[in-house]
Amino acid sequence: MERLIRFTYAHDLLKKNVKRTQKLAQESDAALETYQRQVRTLEECLACSDNLYVCTLTRFDTGRELVFWGVTGRSKSSN
């Protein structure tokens, strides 16, 4: 009889552990999905920032050339 009680108790503990493990696995999956979405969002923001930086530098260089060539009266072909 005592053996049966120990077996039943051990069986209940195993069932509880299985439920806890499944819950942890589901929570981990959800956390991983959230993390992956955040990484994708940050990568997209970084790509946009890089593009904006390149566009800004291009405009700055173009503006600087216009000022230089306009002030000196030179044409680009006479260089």
Protein backbone atom coordinates (compact mmCIF):
# COMPACT_ATOMS: atom_id res chain seq x y z
CA MET A 1 0.00 0.00 0.00
CA GLU A 2 2.79 2.39 0.93
CA ARG A 3 4.47 1.66 -2.39
CA LEU A 4 1.29 2.58 -4.25
CA ILE A 5 1.05 5.88 -2.38
CA ARG A 6 4.68 6.73 -3.24
CA PHE A 7 4.08 5.80 -6.87
CA THR A 8 0.96 7.98 -7.01
CA TYR A 9 2.81 10.89 -5.39
CA ALA A 10 5.73 10.54 -7.82
CA HIS A 11 3.30 10.33 -10.73
CA ASP A 12 1.56 13.54 -9.60
CA LEU A 13 4.92 15.30 -9.30
CA LEU A 14 5.84 14.23 -12.82
CA LYS A 15 2.53 15.51 -14.19
CA LYS A 16 3.08 18.87 -12.46
CA ASN A 17 6.61 19.07 -13.83
CA VAL A 18 5.37 18.32 -17.34
CA LYS A 19 2.77 21.10 -17.09
CA ARG A 20 5.36 23.53 -15.73
CA THR A 21 7.82 22.60 -18.47
CA GLN A 22 5.19 23.05 -21.19
CA LYS A 23 4.24 26.45 -19.79
CA LEU A 24 7.89 27.54 -19.67
CA ALA A 25 8.41 26.36 -23.24
CA GLN A 26 5.38 28.35 -24.44
CA GLU A 27 6.55 31.46 -22.59
CA SER A 28 10.05 31.04 -24.02
CA ASP A 29 8.66 30.70 -27.54
CA ALA A 30 6.58 33.86 -27.08
CA ALA A 31 9.59 35.75 -25.69
CA LEU A 32 11.75 34.59 -28.60
CA GLU A 33 9.15 35.74 -31.14
CA THR A 34 8.96 39.14 -29.42
CA TYR A 35 12.75 39.42 -29.43
CA GLN A 36 12.95 38.48 -33.12
CA ARG A 37 10.33 41.11 -34.00
CA GLN A 38 12.28 43.73 -32.06
CA VAL A 39 15.50 42.78 -33.83
CA ARG A 40 13.79 43.02 -37.25
CA THR A 41 12.35 46.42 -36.34
CA LEU A 42 15.74 47.70 -35.18
CA GLU A 43 17.43 46.37 -38.32
CA GLU A 44 14.85 48.17 -40.47
CA CYS A 45 15.36 51.39 -38.51
CA LEU A 46 19.12 51.06 -38.88
CA ALA A 47 18.79 50.53 -42.64
CA CYS A 48 16.58 53.62 -42.90
CA SER A 49 19.04 55.62 -40.82
CA ASP A 50 21.90 54.52 -43.06
CA ASN A 51 19.95 55.59 -46.16
CA LEU A 52 19.09 58.94 -44.59
CA TYR A 53 22.75 59.47 -43.65
CA VAL A 54 23.90 58.73 -47.21
CA CYS A 55 21.23 61.05 -48.65
CA THR A 56 22.22 63.82 -46.25
CA LEU A 57 25.90 63.48 -47.13
CA THR A 58 25.08 63.49 -50.83
CA ARG A 59 23.01 66.66 -50.47
CA PHE A 60 25.75 68.27 -48.39
CA ASP A 61 28.41 67.42 -50.99
CA THR A 62 26.16 68.64 -53.82
CA GLY A 63 25.47 71.89 -51.97
CA ARG A 64 29.15 72.38 -51.22
CA GLU A 65 30.03 71.85 -54.89
CA LEU A 66 27.36 74.34 -55.97
CA VAL A 67 28.68 76.94 -53.54
CA PHE A 68 32.29 76.32 -54.58
CA TRP A 69 31.61 76.47 -58.30
CA GLY A 70 29.21 79.40 -57.90
CA VAL A 71 31.61 81.50 -55.80
CA THR A 72 34.70 80.89 -57.90
CA GLY A 73 32.89 81.17 -61.20
CA ARG A 74 34.62 78.06 -62.43
CA SER A 75 32.94 75.39 -64.41
CA LYS A 76 33.48 71.79 -63.61
CA SER A 77 34.97 71.15 -67.04
CA SER A 78 37.76 73.73 -66.56
CA ASN A 79 39.17 71.76 -63.63
